C-alpha atoms as a PDB file:
ATOM      1  CA  MET A   1     148.996  59.865 125.100  1.00  0.00           C
ATOM      2  CA  LYS A   2     145.691  60.533 122.981  1.00  0.00           C
ATOM      3  CA  LEU A   3     144.373  57.056 123.998  1.00  0.00           C
ATOM      4  CA  ILE A   4     145.193  57.751 127.582  1.00  0.00           C
ATOM      5  CA  SER A   5     143.721  61.344 127.721  1.00  0.00           C
ATOM      6  CA  PHE A   6     140.649  59.578 126.160  1.00  0.00           C
ATOM      7  CA  LEU A   7     140.179  56.609 128.483  1.00  0.00           C
ATOM      8  CA  LEU A   8     140.585  59.345 131.240  1.00  0.00           C
ATOM      9  CA  SER A   9     138.112  61.908 130.211  1.00  0.00           C
ATOM     10  CA  THR A  10     135.538  59.184 129.435  1.00  0.00           C
ATOM     11  CA  CYS A  11     135.947  57.896 132.898  1.00  0.00           C
ATOM     12  CA  VAL A  12     135.348  61.216 134.282  1.00  0.00           C
ATOM     13  CA  CYS A  13     132.261  61.463 131.930  1.00  0.00           C
ATOM     14  CA  ALA A  14     130.704  58.414 133.385  1.00  0.00           C
ATOM     15  CA  LEU A  15     131.357  59.698 136.948  1.00  0.00           C
ATOM     16  CA  HIS A  16     129.556  62.942 136.271  1.00  0.00           C
ATOM     17  CA  ILE A  17     126.535  61.052 134.726  1.00  0.00           C
ATOM     18  CA  ALA A  18     126.176  58.942 137.873  1.00  0.00           C
ATOM     19  CA  GLN A  19     126.395  62.029 140.117  1.00  0.00           C
ATOM     20  CA  SER A  20     123.855  63.926 137.980  1.00  0.00           C
ATOM     21  CA  SER A  21     121.558  60.914 138.344  1.00  0.00           C
ATOM     22  CA  ALA A  22     122.203  60.938 142.270  1.00  0.00           C
ATOM     23  CA  ARG A  23     121.134  64.887 142.023  1.00  0.00           C
ATOM     24  CA  LEU A  24     117.684  63.745 140.533  1.00  0.00           C
ATOM     25  CA  GLY A  25     117.038  61.136 143.165  1.00  0.00           C
ATOM     26  CA  ILE A  26     117.496  58.477 140.590  1.00  0.00           C
ATOM     27  CA  SER A  27     120.023  55.732 140.439  1.00  0.00           C
ATOM     28  CA  SER A  28     122.206  56.177 137.423  1.00  0.00           C
ATOM     29  CA  PRO A  29     121.457  53.786 134.404  1.00  0.00           C
ATOM     30  CA  LEU A  30     125.281  52.921 134.542  1.00  0.00           C
ATOM     31  CA  SER A  31     124.987  49.462 136.041  1.00  0.00           C
ATOM     32  CA  SER A  32     128.878  49.485 137.401  1.00  0.00           C
ATOM     33  CA  GLU A  33     127.958  52.819 139.469  1.00  0.00           C
ATOM     34  CA  PRO A  34     127.077  53.101 142.893  1.00  0.00           C
ATOM     35  CA  CYS A  35     123.120  52.600 143.722  1.00  0.00           C
ATOM     36  CA  VAL A  36     120.923  55.313 145.257  1.00  0.00           C
ATOM     37  CA  ARG A  37     118.855  53.276 147.736  1.00  0.00           C
ATOM     38  CA  PRO A  38     116.282  55.819 149.930  1.00  0.00           C
ATOM     39  CA  GLN A  39     115.658  55.081 153.710  1.00  0.00           C
ATOM     40  CA  ALA A  40     112.365  54.396 154.888  1.00  0.00           C
ATOM     41  CA  SER A  41     111.889  57.169 156.785  1.00  0.00           C
ATOM     42  CA  GLU A  42     112.400  59.541 153.852  1.00  0.00           C
ATOM     43  CA  LEU A  43     109.710  58.368 151.923  1.00  0.00           C
ATOM     44  CA  VAL A  44     106.797  60.375 153.024  1.00  0.00           C
ATOM     45  CA  VAL A  45     103.708  61.260 150.767  1.00  0.00           C
ATOM     46  CA  GLY A  46     102.486  64.961 151.003  1.00  0.00           C
ATOM     47  CA  PRO A  47      98.869  66.060 151.005  1.00  0.00           C
ATOM     48  CA  LEU A  48      96.422  65.175 148.439  1.00  0.00           C
ATOM     49  CA  ASN A  49      94.891  68.296 146.817  1.00  0.00           C
ATOM     50  CA  GLU A  50      91.342  67.167 146.708  1.00  0.00           C
ATOM     51  CA  SER A  51      90.127  69.823 144.217  1.00  0.00           C
ATOM     52  CA  TYR A  52      92.238  68.277 141.590  1.00  0.00           C
ATOM     53  CA  ALA A  53      90.941  65.788 139.218  1.00  0.00           C
ATOM     54  CA  PHE A  54      92.624  62.957 139.026  1.00  0.00           C
ATOM     55  CA  PRO A  55      92.779  60.610 136.098  1.00  0.00           C
ATOM     56  CA  SER A  56      90.975  57.470 136.853  1.00  0.00           C
ATOM     57  CA  SER A  57      90.002  55.922 133.774  1.00  0.00           C
ATOM     58  CA  GLY A  58      90.670  55.846 130.167  1.00  0.00           C
ATOM     59  CA  ASP A  59      93.955  57.313 128.701  1.00  0.00           C
ATOM     60  CA  ALA A  60      96.659  59.524 130.446  1.00  0.00           C
ATOM     61  CA  THR A  61      99.498  61.185 129.140  1.00  0.00           C
ATOM     62  CA  PHE A  62     102.947  61.063 130.803  1.00  0.00           C
ATOM     63  CA  GLN A  63     102.671  64.808 131.247  1.00  0.00           C
ATOM     64  CA  GLN A  64      99.156  64.075 133.023  1.00  0.00           C
ATOM     65  CA  ILE A  65     100.569  61.405 135.044  1.00  0.00           C
ATOM     66  CA  ALA A  66     103.462  63.569 136.290  1.00  0.00           C
ATOM     67  CA  GLU A  67     101.103  66.490 137.297  1.00  0.00           C
ATOM     68  CA  ALA A  68      98.999  64.109 139.163  1.00  0.00           C
ATOM     69  CA  TRP A  69     101.829  62.690 140.817  1.00  0.00           C
ATOM     70  CA  ILE A  70     102.786  66.141 142.468  1.00  0.00           C
ATOM     71  CA  GLN A  71      99.018  67.058 143.036  1.00  0.00           C
ATOM     72  CA  ALA A  72      98.745  63.767 144.991  1.00  0.00           C
ATOM     73  CA  GLY A  73     101.647  64.392 147.248  1.00  0.00           C
ATOM     74  CA  GLY A  74     104.225  62.707 145.423  1.00  0.00           C
ATOM     75  CA  GLU A  75     107.915  63.617 146.035  1.00  0.00           C
ATOM     76  CA  SER A  76     109.046  65.915 143.116  1.00  0.00           C
ATOM     77  CA  GLN A  77     112.512  64.063 143.251  1.00  0.00           C
ATOM     78  CA  TYR A  78     110.902  60.909 142.403  1.00  0.00           C
ATOM     79  CA  CYS A  79     108.748  62.183 139.553  1.00  0.00           C
ATOM     80  CA  ALA A  80     110.665  60.890 136.875  1.00  0.00           C
ATOM     81  CA  ALA A  81     111.422  57.579 138.410  1.00  0.00           C
ATOM     82  CA  ALA A  82     107.517  57.178 138.933  1.00  0.00           C
ATOM     83  CA  LEU A  83     106.914  57.709 135.150  1.00  0.00           C
ATOM     84  CA  VAL A  84     109.692  55.342 134.106  1.00  0.00           C
ATOM     85  CA  ILE A  85     108.220  52.706 136.514  1.00  0.00           C
ATOM     86  CA  ALA A  86     104.661  53.354 135.252  1.00  0.00           C
ATOM     87  CA  SER A  87     105.829  53.042 131.603  1.00  0.00           C
ATOM     88  CA  GLY A  88     107.143  49.446 132.192  1.00  0.00           C
ATOM     89  CA  GLU A  89     103.890  48.534 134.220  1.00  0.00           C
ATOM     90  CA  CYS A  90     100.912  49.992 132.419  1.00  0.00           C
ATOM     91  CA  ARG A  91      99.275  48.974 129.529  1.00  0.00           C
ATOM     92  CA  PRO A  92     100.695  51.908 126.950  1.00  0.00           C
ATOM     93  CA  PHE A  93      98.501  54.649 125.531  1.00  0.00           C
ATOM     94  CA  VAL A  94      99.518  54.639 122.082  1.00  0.00           C
ATOM     95  CA  SER A  95      99.024  58.217 119.898  1.00  0.00           C
ATOM     96  CA  GLY A  96     100.297  58.377 116.289  1.00  0.00           C
ATOM     97  CA  GLY A  97     102.350  55.242 116.818  1.00  0.00           C
ATOM     98  CA  LEU A  98     104.066  56.585 119.560  1.00  0.00           C
ATOM     99  CA  VAL A  99     103.562  55.480 123.267  1.00  0.00           C
ATOM    100  CA  VAL A 100     102.562  58.768 125.197  1.00  0.00           C
ATOM    101  CA  GLY A 101     101.263  57.533 128.536  1.00  0.00           C
ATOM    102  CA  CYS A 102      99.237  54.748 130.197  1.00  0.00           C
ATOM    103  CA  ASP A 103      95.625  53.198 129.394  1.00  0.00           C
ATOM    104  CA  ILE A 104      94.438  53.459 133.099  1.00  0.00           C
ATOM    105  CA  THR A 105      91.309  51.306 132.073  1.00  0.00           C
ATOM    106  CA  ALA A 106      93.189  48.574 130.382  1.00  0.00           C
ATOM    107  CA  THR A 107      96.183  48.474 132.979  1.00  0.00           C
ATOM    108  CA  GLY A 108      93.348  47.276 135.699  1.00  0.00           C
ATOM    109  CA  ALA A 109      92.515  47.520 139.375  1.00  0.00           C
ATOM    110  CA  SER A 110      95.841  47.765 140.599  1.00  0.00           C
ATOM    111  CA  GLY A 111      96.706  50.870 138.781  1.00  0.00           C
ATOM    112  CA  ILE A 112      99.144  52.095 136.806  1.00  0.00           C
ATOM    113  CA  TRP A 113     102.168  51.172 139.251  1.00  0.00           C
ATOM    114  CA  GLN A 114     100.773  47.733 139.839  1.00  0.00           C
ATOM    115  CA  LEU A 115     100.330  47.892 143.529  1.00  0.00           C
ATOM    116  CA  THR A 116      99.056  44.144 143.783  1.00  0.00           C
ATOM    117  CA  GLY A 117     100.513  43.550 147.184  1.00  0.00           C
ATOM    118  CA  LEU A 118      98.570  46.380 149.015  1.00  0.00           C
ATOM    119  CA  VAL A 119      97.348  44.859 152.292  1.00  0.00           C
ATOM    120  CA  ASN A 120      94.563  47.557 152.511  1.00  0.00           C
ATOM    121  CA  ARG A 121      92.691  49.319 149.481  1.00  0.00           C
ATOM    122  CA  PRO A 122      91.136  52.212 151.099  1.00  0.00           C
ATOM    123  CA  CYS A 123      90.234  53.882 147.679  1.00  0.00           C
ATOM    124  CA  ASP A 124      90.313  53.312 143.953  1.00  0.00           C
ATOM    125  CA  LEU A 125      93.894  52.333 142.674  1.00  0.00           C
ATOM    126  CA  GLN A 126      92.979  53.005 139.173  1.00  0.00           C
ATOM    127  CA  ASN A 127      92.789  56.603 140.437  1.00  0.00           C
ATOM    128  CA  ILE A 128      96.088  58.120 140.164  1.00  0.00           C
ATOM    129  CA  GLY A 129      95.636  60.279 143.556  1.00  0.00           C
ATOM    130  CA  CYS A 130      94.836  57.128 145.021  1.00  0.00           C
ATOM    131  CA  SER A 131      97.722  55.132 144.150  1.00  0.00           C
ATOM    132  CA  VAL A 132     100.332  57.750 144.744  1.00  0.00           C
ATOM    133  CA  GLN A 133      98.644  58.423 148.532  1.00  0.00           C
ATOM    134  CA  GLN A 134      98.883  54.281 148.828  1.00  0.00           C
ATOM    135  CA  LEU A 135     102.226  53.916 147.163  1.00  0.00           C
ATOM    136  CA  TYR A 136     104.463  54.084 150.243  1.00  0.00           C
ATOM    137  CA  ASN A 137     101.984  51.705 152.018  1.00  0.00           C
ATOM    138  CA  PHE A 138     102.636  48.885 149.493  1.00  0.00           C
ATOM    139  CA  ILE A 139     106.668  49.739 149.488  1.00  0.00           C
ATOM    140  CA  ILE A 140     106.826  49.984 153.215  1.00  0.00           C
ATOM    141  CA  GLN A 141     104.553  47.078 154.312  1.00  0.00           C
ATOM    142  CA  PRO A 142     103.331  47.789 157.830  1.00  0.00           C
ATOM    143  CA  ASP A 143     103.995  45.671 160.935  1.00  0.00           C
ATOM    144  CA  ILE A 144     100.519  44.858 161.422  1.00  0.00           C
ATOM    145  CA  ASN A 145      98.012  44.097 158.480  1.00  0.00           C
ATOM    146  CA  PRO A 146      95.054  46.602 158.798  1.00  0.00           C
ATOM    147  CA  THR A 147      92.774  44.260 157.504  1.00  0.00           C
ATOM    148  CA  THR A 148      93.207  41.346 159.701  1.00  0.00           C
ATOM    149  CA  ASN A 149      95.443  43.080 162.865  1.00  0.00           C
ATOM    150  CA  GLN A 150      97.774  40.127 162.528  1.00  0.00           C
ATOM    151  CA  THR A 151     101.210  40.278 162.176  1.00  0.00           C
ATOM    152  CA  ASN A 152     101.941  41.324 158.469  1.00  0.00           C
ATOM    153  CA  TYR A 153     104.060  38.717 156.136  1.00  0.00           C
ATOM    154  CA  ASN A 154     103.644  40.401 152.989  1.00  0.00           C
ATOM    155  CA  THR A 155     106.523  41.202 150.559  1.00  0.00           C
ATOM    156  CA  GLY A 156     107.742  44.721 150.276  1.00  0.00           C
ATOM    157  CA  CYS A 157     110.823  46.809 149.544  1.00  0.00           C
ATOM    158  CA  PHE A 158     110.670  47.613 153.361  1.00  0.00           C
ATOM    159  CA  THR A 159     108.919  45.431 156.138  1.00  0.00           C
ATOM    160  CA  GLN A 160     108.181  45.822 159.699  1.00  0.00           C
ATOM    161  CA  GLY A 161     107.165  49.536 158.881  1.00  0.00           C
ATOM    162  CA  GLY A 162     110.353  50.204 157.406  1.00  0.00           C
ATOM    163  CA  LEU A 163     112.725  48.524 160.097  1.00  0.00           C
ATOM    164  CA  GLU A 164     113.702  46.032 157.356  1.00  0.00           C
ATOM    165  CA  GLU A 165     115.076  47.107 154.031  1.00  0.00           C
ATOM    166  CA  THR A 166     115.759  45.015 150.897  1.00  0.00           C
ATOM    167  CA  THR A 167     119.259  44.760 149.410  1.00  0.00           C
ATOM    168  CA  GLU A 168     121.052  47.833 147.462  1.00  0.00           C
ATOM    169  CA  LEU A 169     122.000  45.405 144.541  1.00  0.00           C
ATOM    170  CA  VAL A 170     119.942  42.541 142.963  1.00  0.00           C
ATOM    171  CA  PRO A 171     121.162  39.347 144.856  1.00  0.00           C
ATOM    172  CA  ASP A 172     122.545  36.345 143.363  1.00  0.00           C
ATOM    173  CA  GLY A 173     120.133  33.710 141.915  1.00  0.00           C
ATOM    174  CA  PHE A 174     118.210  36.444 140.007  1.00  0.00           C
ATOM    175  CA  ARG A 175     118.508  37.249 136.357  1.00  0.00           C
ATOM    176  CA  SER A 176     119.840  40.914 136.933  1.00  0.00           C
ATOM    177  CA  ALA A 177     122.081  39.882 139.926  1.00  0.00           C
ATOM    178  CA  GLY A 178     124.724  42.683 140.801  1.00  0.00           C
ATOM    179  CA  ASN A 179     122.569  45.714 139.014  1.00  0.00           C
ATOM    180  CA  CYS A 180     121.062  48.323 141.544  1.00  0.00           C
ATOM    181  CA  ASN A 181     117.880  46.956 142.884  1.00  0.00           C
ATOM    182  CA  TRP A 182     116.223  50.593 142.855  1.00  0.00           C
ATOM    183  CA  VAL A 183     114.791  53.123 140.519  1.00  0.00           C
ATOM    184  CA  GLY A 184     114.112  55.818 143.053  1.00  0.00           C
ATOM    185  CA  PRO A 185     111.704  54.281 145.803  1.00  0.00           C
ATOM    186  CA  PHE A 186     110.532  51.402 143.492  1.00  0.00           C
ATOM    187  CA  CYS A 187     112.571  48.075 144.312  1.00  0.00           C
ATOM    188  CA  HIS A 188     113.122  45.200 141.948  1.00  0.00           C
ATOM    189  CA  ILE A 189     113.547  42.191 144.455  1.00  0.00           C
ATOM    190  CA  GLY A 190     111.801  42.795 147.932  1.00  0.00           C
ATOM    191  CA  ILE A 191     112.034  41.139 151.063  1.00  0.00           C
ATOM    192  CA  VAL A 192     109.568  39.426 153.509  1.00  0.00           C
ATOM    193  CA  ARG A 193     109.314  39.709 157.189  1.00  0.00           C
ATOM    194  CA  SER A 194     112.685  38.818 159.261  1.00  0.00           C
ATOM    195  CA  GLY A 195     114.493  40.006 156.182  1.00  0.00           C
ATOM    196  CA  ALA A 196     114.869  37.099 154.000  1.00  0.00           C
ATOM    197  CA  THR A 197     115.014  37.654 150.243  1.00  0.00           C
ATOM    198  CA  ALA A 198     111.888  37.394 148.403  1.00  0.00           C
ATOM    199  CA  GLY A 199     110.482  37.852 145.018  1.00  0.00           C
ATOM    200  CA  TYR A 200     109.906  40.318 142.485  1.00  0.00           C
ATOM    201  CA  ILE A 201     107.997  43.790 143.472  1.00  0.00           C
ATOM    202  CA  TRP A 202     108.558  45.583 140.271  1.00  0.00           C
ATOM    203  CA  GLY A 203     109.546  42.895 138.197  1.00  0.00           C
ATOM    204  CA  GLY A 204     110.832  44.133 134.818  1.00  0.00           C
ATOM    205  CA  GLY A 205     113.766  42.329 133.388  1.00  0.00           C
ATOM    206  CA  GLN A 206     113.395  39.060 134.916  1.00  0.00           C
ATOM    207  CA  GLU A 207     112.529  37.277 131.531  1.00  0.00           C
ATOM    208  CA  MET A 208     115.431  36.362 129.183  1.00  0.00           C
ATOM    209  CA  ALA A 209     113.911  37.915 126.287  1.00  0.00           C
ATOM    210  CA  GLN A 210     113.920  40.997 128.221  1.00  0.00           C
ATOM    211  CA  PRO A 211     116.690  43.798 129.075  1.00  0.00           C
ATOM    212  CA  PRO A 212     117.734  43.286 132.787  1.00  0.00           C
ATOM    213  CA  PHE A 213     116.501  45.551 135.466  1.00  0.00           C
ATOM    214  CA  PRO A 214     116.701  48.615 135.875  1.00  0.00           C
ATOM    215  CA  THR A 215     117.640  48.877 132.217  1.00  0.00           C
ATOM    216  CA  TYR A 216     114.358  47.179 131.302  1.00  0.00           C
ATOM    217  CA  TYR A 217     112.344  50.500 132.839  1.00  0.00           C
ATOM    218  CA  TYR A 218     114.587  53.085 131.233  1.00  0.00           C
ATOM    219  CA  ASP A 219     114.317  51.492 128.010  1.00  0.00           C
ATOM    220  CA  LYS A 220     110.456  51.316 128.366  1.00  0.00           C
ATOM    221  CA  PHE A 221     110.363  55.116 128.844  1.00  0.00           C
ATOM    222  CA  PRO A 222     110.218  57.116 125.335  1.00  0.00           C
ATOM    223  CA  GLY A 223     113.630  58.950 125.501  1.00  0.00           C
ATOM    224  CA  GLY A 224     114.926  57.335 128.643  1.00  0.00           C
ATOM    225  CA  LEU A 225     115.500  58.836 131.969  1.00  0.00           C
ATOM    226  CA  SER A 226     116.486  62.439 131.077  1.00  0.00           C
ATOM    227  CA  SER A 227     113.266  62.646 128.909  1.00  0.00           C
ATOM    228  CA  ALA A 228     111.015  61.684 131.967  1.00  0.00           C
ATOM    229  CA  GLN A 229     113.054  64.149 134.234  1.00  0.00           C
ATOM    230  CA  ASP A 230     112.320  66.883 131.288  1.00  0.00           C
ATOM    231  CA  ILE A 231     108.391  66.175 131.635  1.00  0.00           C
ATOM    232  CA  CYS A 232     108.513  66.717 135.049  1.00  0.00           C
ATOM    233  CA  ASP A 233     110.429  70.063 135.187  1.00  0.00           C
ATOM    234  CA  ASN A 234     107.929  70.958 132.491  1.00  0.00           C
ATOM    235  CA  VAL A 235     104.695  70.741 134.677  1.00  0.00           C
ATOM    236  CA  GLY A 236     106.370  72.785 137.355  1.00  0.00           C
ATOM    237  CA  VAL A 237     107.619  70.079 139.514  1.00  0.00           C
ATOM    238  CA  GLY A 238     111.340  69.725 141.028  1.00  0.00           C
ATOM    239  CA  GLY A 239     111.180  73.602 142.249  1.00  0.00           C
ATOM    240  CA  GLU A 240     110.443  75.544 139.168  1.00  0.00           C
ATOM    241  CA  GLU A 241     110.974  79.536 139.649  1.00  0.00           C
ATOM    242  CA  GLU A 242     107.113  79.987 139.684  1.00  0.00           C
ATOM    243  CA  ALA A 243     106.604  77.655 142.415  1.00  0.00           C
ATOM    244  CA  ASP A 244     106.011  79.474 145.856  1.00  0.00           C
ATOM    245  CA  GLY A 245     109.208  80.383 147.601  1.00  0.00           C
ATOM    246  CA  GLU A 246     112.670  81.395 146.852  1.00  0.00           C
ATOM    247  CA  GLU A 247     114.259  78.188 148.058  1.00  0.00           C
ATOM    248  CA  ALA A 248     111.799  76.350 145.565  1.00  0.00           C
ATOM    249  CA  GLY A 249     112.991  78.355 142.763  1.00  0.00           C
ATOM    250  CA  GLN A 250     116.617  77.867 143.656  1.00  0.00           C
ATOM    251  CA  GLN A 251     116.279  74.068 143.856  1.00  0.00           C
ATOM    252  CA  GLY A 252     114.486  74.126 140.654  1.00  0.00           C
ATOM    253  CA  LYS A 253     117.571  75.790 138.786  1.00  0.00           C
ATOM    254  CA  LYS A 254     119.606  73.186 140.411  1.00  0.00           C
ATOM    255  CA  ASN A 255     117.516  70.323 139.200  1.00  0.00           C
ATOM    256  CA  ARG A 256     117.188  71.919 135.677  1.00  0.00           C
ATOM    257  CA  ALA A 257     121.096  72.195 135.560  1.00  0.00           C
ATOM    258  CA  ALA A 258     121.431  68.649 136.638  1.00  0.00           C
ATOM    259  CA  LYS A 259     119.189  67.658 134.175  1.00  0.00           C
ATOM    260  CA  ILE A 260     120.703  69.288 131.260  1.00  0.00           C
ATOM    261  CA  GLU A 261     124.443  68.033 132.386  1.00  0.00           C
ATOM    262  CA  LEU A 262     122.979  64.450 132.475  1.00  0.00           C
ATOM    263  CA  SER A 263     121.718  64.900 128.935  1.00  0.00           C
ATOM    264  CA  GLU A 264     124.911  66.448 127.602  1.00  0.00           C
ATOM    265  CA  LEU A 265     126.943  63.723 129.445  1.00  0.00           C
ATOM    266  CA  GLU A 266     124.727  60.921 128.163  1.00  0.00           C
ATOM    267  CA  LYS A 267     125.229  61.975 124.562  1.00  0.00           C
ATOM    268  CA  ALA A 268     129.128  61.978 125.357  1.00  0.00           C
ATOM    269  CA  PHE A 269     129.082  58.783 126.580  1.00  0.00           C
ATOM    270  CA  LYS A 270     126.932  57.448 123.752  1.00  0.00           C
ATOM    271  CA  LYS A 271     129.765  58.557 121.160  1.00  0.00           C
ATOM    272  CA  PHE A 272     132.365  56.800 123.367  1.00  0.00           C
ATOM    273  CA  GLY A 273     130.231  53.607 123.358  1.00  0.00           C
ATOM    274  CA  ASP A 274     129.564  53.344 119.718  1.00  0.00           C
ATOM    275  CA  ILE A 275     133.325  52.698 119.386  1.00  0.00           C
ATOM    276  CA  GLY A 276     133.341  48.834 120.149  1.00  0.00           C
ATOM    277  CA  ASP A 277     133.497  46.346 122.733  1.00  0.00           C
ATOM    278  CA  PHE A 278     135.275  48.308 125.307  1.00  0.00           C
ATOM    279  CA  GLY A 279     132.679  50.724 125.680  1.00  0.00           C
ATOM    280  CA  LYS A 280     130.228  48.110 126.870  1.00  0.00           C
ATOM    281  CA  GLY A 281     133.108  46.739 129.299  1.00  0.00           C
ATOM    282  CA  LEU A 282     132.253  50.053 131.419  1.00  0.00           C
ATOM    283  CA  GLY A 283     129.224  48.215 132.027  1.00  0.00           C
ATOM    284  CA  GLY A 284     126.410  50.562 130.830  1.00  0.00           C
ATOM    285  CA  ALA A 285     127.251  52.609 127.702  1.00  0.00           C
ATOM    286  CA  ASP A 286     124.610  50.480 125.779  1.00  0.00           C
ATOM    287  CA  HIS A 287     122.164  51.223 128.759  1.00  0.00           C
ATOM    288  CA  LEU A 288     121.858  54.783 128.030  1.00  0.00           C
ATOM    289  CA  LYS A 289     119.083  55.657 125.747  1.00  0.00           C
ATOM    290  CA  VAL A 290     119.652  59.075 123.873  1.00  0.00           C
ATOM    291  CA  GLU A 291     117.570  60.671 121.424  1.00  0.00           C
END
């Protein structure tokens, strides 16, 4: 009876982790749980705060990147996803032996999210404000290439201006097949026009020496997903009480409650995962990175 009760409580725990992740707008680190795939119509960048000094060279901490994400019009629900992906794409900024952010200059001209397939570059992508503003123009490939004024055949998470979308799960034939294909609005395997499966967009996890996608990115960020969300909350995003309006304050309370619940459930699930191979059979106990 004790074993049955233990297994039932653990299954409930895993379900709550996935639900908490969904409330934060990010797919669960548990590969066996449902994906959270955004709709193209939901991915809308806000206005850029032109008076804000966006990092554009040298080093930027994850706290600075999170603040820049919001000041550039990035959606608060995807702030943590943006940090997680940046940590796996940029050249790391190391201080005191710890990875604390991104070295913007060393990362190169495509910026900390590596927008190498952007068909039009109206600004310097090393400037984080520019990268945030242009991100969805990279994720959602336009129907017409604005540079050539011809039909656009570039690879994206969405094509034809959002009419076509890539798969929810990583398709067969790729190393991470069957895992969630998304971390927030960032996809792993993209499509080309006509909906045909294409190559890698954010390709971390494609090499045999790497953890599979999306674990590769969760593991790259110091402390994992919940730590990324903690940074975003601490720079006043996600609707903190000090933000304007009663509705924003209430949303901040919900976000922090979900973050705390996720952190505690991760710890509980980690304890279960340590008992042996049965824990790994749930498809992700070893994917959770807990302080």
